[in-house]
Amino acid sequence: MSTLVSALILLILHTPLLYSKPLKVHILSGQSNMSGYGDYKSGAYQPNPKVDQQIPYFYHVDTKFGSRGSGGKSETIQTLDTYRIRENGRNTYSANTPHSNGRWGVELAFARTLSTESKDKHGIIKIAEGGTGLANRWDSQPAPDGSDRFSACWKMWVEQTTKALSLLKKEGYEVDIASIVWTQGENDTNNKTAAFAYEKNFLRLINAMYNHLNSLGYPTNETVFINNSFSHSKLARMIDQQEVRRAQKAVMNAIPNGFYHDNSELNEPKHYRDKVHYNGASLITMGENMALGYLEYKQKQAE
């Protein structure tokens, strides 16, 4: 098959159908376990081009390690085009590797499961930055001194969601913000003050996210906010971990359409690739379970 024919087939597959139902967009955000450390070397990744080529995907991930995004354009769901490796005893990132050699987070299994288990068309916007805390990078308000030193990731989220949604509109999609998925918390358990301020900071972030999307013309009254529970880090005090988990559950109970997805079944060492990050197989399981939980939640709402 010629390169031109292959390109035309991909274009057709990725072109929105006229008068099609709204695209159910899921915005995935958080720190490194949202970025994802699923590694193709683990054998957990299995290509599924028939499904993947139907799922629009915009991503902007781990920019502090170099530009790691879809280049300001929408692609289809895939592994990231760079992955973490060990060279000379140091963690580095290699660039421009084939997508099949990349890494992934929950988005692969989450999007695939939504697409195969529902009649809707789904799309993913993923914006994440490893090693970031709600208190020190995702604060939607200026710091006490008036600077934005605690808001870098929030500003990135605003910029990239605006860009992604504008792009989907230009591509002809009518967008429905179906869910916001938040996978974060480890960083805030490293600081007692941040841990015990988490509930207040989390509510403020969610309200800011909704206000931003509303300002762009996307209603959020039916958007499901999914708090995908963070890992059981071996690097933080248990009391601080417990406080952040309590805060996350309290916020999900307090807001409309809040859904806490519990990953406690993935707490054994075999589910981790290191002391903090889930491995590839666990991310597949997590994504599948989260998608099924979301669909069950929506079904109960409709009854």
Foldseek 3Di string as FASTA:
>chain_A
DDPVVVVVVLVVLAFDDPPADFAAEEEEEAADLQQFQAFVVVVQDDDDCVQQSNAWEWEFEACVQPTFTPVLAIGTDFATQKHWDADPNDTHIDHRHDRSRHGHFLVVLQQSLLVVVDPHRYYYYYYYHHPAALQQACFPAADPVRHCRRHPSVVVVLVRVVSVVVNCVVSPGRHAHAEYEYEYDVNQLADQVSLQCQLVSVLNNVVVVQVSCVVVVHHCQNYAYEYEYFAPAPPGDPVSSVSNVVSLVVNLVVDPNRHYHDPVVQHDPVQAPDRGYGYNNSRNVSSNVVNVVSVVVVVVVVD
